[in-house]
C-alpha atoms as a PDB file:
ATOM      1  CA  UNK A   1      16.135  86.694-272.510  1.00  0.00           C
ATOM      2  CA  UNK A   2      12.698  85.163-272.519  1.00  0.00           C
ATOM      3  CA  UNK A   3      10.018  86.205-270.013  1.00  0.00           C
ATOM      4  CA  UNK A   4       9.634  82.548-269.000  1.00  0.00           C
ATOM      5  CA  UNK A   5      13.305  82.298-268.020  1.00  0.00           C
ATOM      6  CA  UNK A   6      13.108  85.539-266.075  1.00  0.00           C
ATOM      7  CA  UNK A   7       9.992  84.244-264.291  1.00  0.00           C
ATOM      8  CA  UNK A   8      11.751  81.004-263.308  1.00  0.00           C
ATOM      9  CA  UNK A   9      14.702  82.963-261.909  1.00  0.00           C
ATOM     10  CA  UNK A  10      12.358  85.220-259.986  1.00  0.00           C
ATOM     11  CA  UNK A  11      10.413  82.288-258.482  1.00  0.00           C
ATOM     12  CA  UNK A  12      13.656  80.560-257.555  1.00  0.00           C
ATOM     13  CA  UNK A  13      15.001  83.688-255.847  1.00  0.00           C
ATOM     14  CA  UNK A  14      11.754  84.184-253.912  1.00  0.00           C
ATOM     15  CA  UNK A  15      11.715  80.564-252.729  1.00  0.00           C
ATOM     16  CA  UNK A  16      15.228  80.966-251.366  1.00  0.00           C
ATOM     17  CA  UNK A  17      14.459  84.342-249.742  1.00  0.00           C
ATOM     18  CA  UNK A  18      11.394  83.166-247.772  1.00  0.00           C
ATOM     19  CA  UNK A  19      12.191  80.831-244.879  1.00  0.00           C
ATOM     20  CA  UNK A  20      10.287  77.563-244.722  1.00  0.00           C
ATOM     21  CA  UNK A  21       8.129  76.699-241.719  1.00  0.00           C
ATOM     22  CA  UNK A  22      10.950  74.518-240.378  1.00  0.00           C
ATOM     23  CA  UNK A  23      13.398  77.387-240.710  1.00  0.00           C
ATOM     24  CA  UNK A  24      10.949  79.792-239.024  1.00  0.00           C
ATOM     25  CA  UNK A  25      10.573  77.364-236.106  1.00  0.00           C
ATOM     26  CA  UNK A  26      14.342  77.107-235.791  1.00  0.00           C
ATOM     27  CA  UNK A  27      14.671  80.895-235.869  1.00  0.00           C
ATOM     28  CA  UNK A  28      12.094  81.194-233.061  1.00  0.00           C
ATOM     29  CA  UNK A  29      13.889  78.523-231.036  1.00  0.00           C
ATOM     30  CA  UNK A  30      17.258  80.187-231.530  1.00  0.00           C
ATOM     31  CA  UNK A  31      15.886  83.612-230.603  1.00  0.00           C
ATOM     32  CA  UNK A  32      14.432  82.193-227.386  1.00  0.00           C
ATOM     33  CA  UNK A  33      17.727  80.486-226.570  1.00  0.00           C
ATOM     34  CA  UNK A  34      19.653  83.687-227.288  1.00  0.00           C
ATOM     35  CA  UNK A  35      17.356  85.640-224.967  1.00  0.00           C
ATOM     36  CA  UNK A  36      17.851  83.056-222.215  1.00  0.00           C
ATOM     37  CA  UNK A  37      21.635  83.160-222.603  1.00  0.00           C
ATOM     38  CA  UNK A  38      21.645  86.974-222.576  1.00  0.00           C
ATOM     39  CA  UNK A  39      19.628  86.976-219.332  1.00  0.00           C
ATOM     40  CA  UNK A  40      21.986  84.410-217.782  1.00  0.00           C
ATOM     41  CA  UNK A  41      25.014  86.474-218.821  1.00  0.00           C
ATOM     42  CA  UNK A  42      23.476  89.597-217.321  1.00  0.00           C
ATOM     43  CA  UNK A  43      22.763  87.757-214.062  1.00  0.00           C
ATOM     44  CA  UNK A  44      26.333  86.459-213.879  1.00  0.00           C
ATOM     45  CA  UNK A  45      27.627  89.989-214.431  1.00  0.00           C
ATOM     46  CA  UNK A  46      25.416  91.373-211.669  1.00  0.00           C
ATOM     47  CA  UNK A  47      26.307  88.668-209.152  1.00  0.00           C
ATOM     48  CA  UNK A  48      30.011  88.783-210.004  1.00  0.00           C
ATOM     49  CA  UNK A  49      30.254  92.405-208.902  1.00  0.00           C
ATOM     50  CA  UNK A  50      31.837  92.881-205.485  1.00  0.00           C
ATOM     51  CA  UNK A  51      29.344  93.522-202.705  1.00  0.00           C
ATOM     52  CA  UNK A  52      29.914  96.765-200.830  1.00  0.00           C
END
């Protein structure tokens, strides 16, 4: 196996492992949406409990 081939494989693997700026933005957006949904679910759970 030549060092050049190994280097190409390594660069290719690193490019796939590191998210692009578009992917990072989507991850941030999805994390924010997940947090909002978790808060909404928690609120529904609290308000759905019978009042004593």
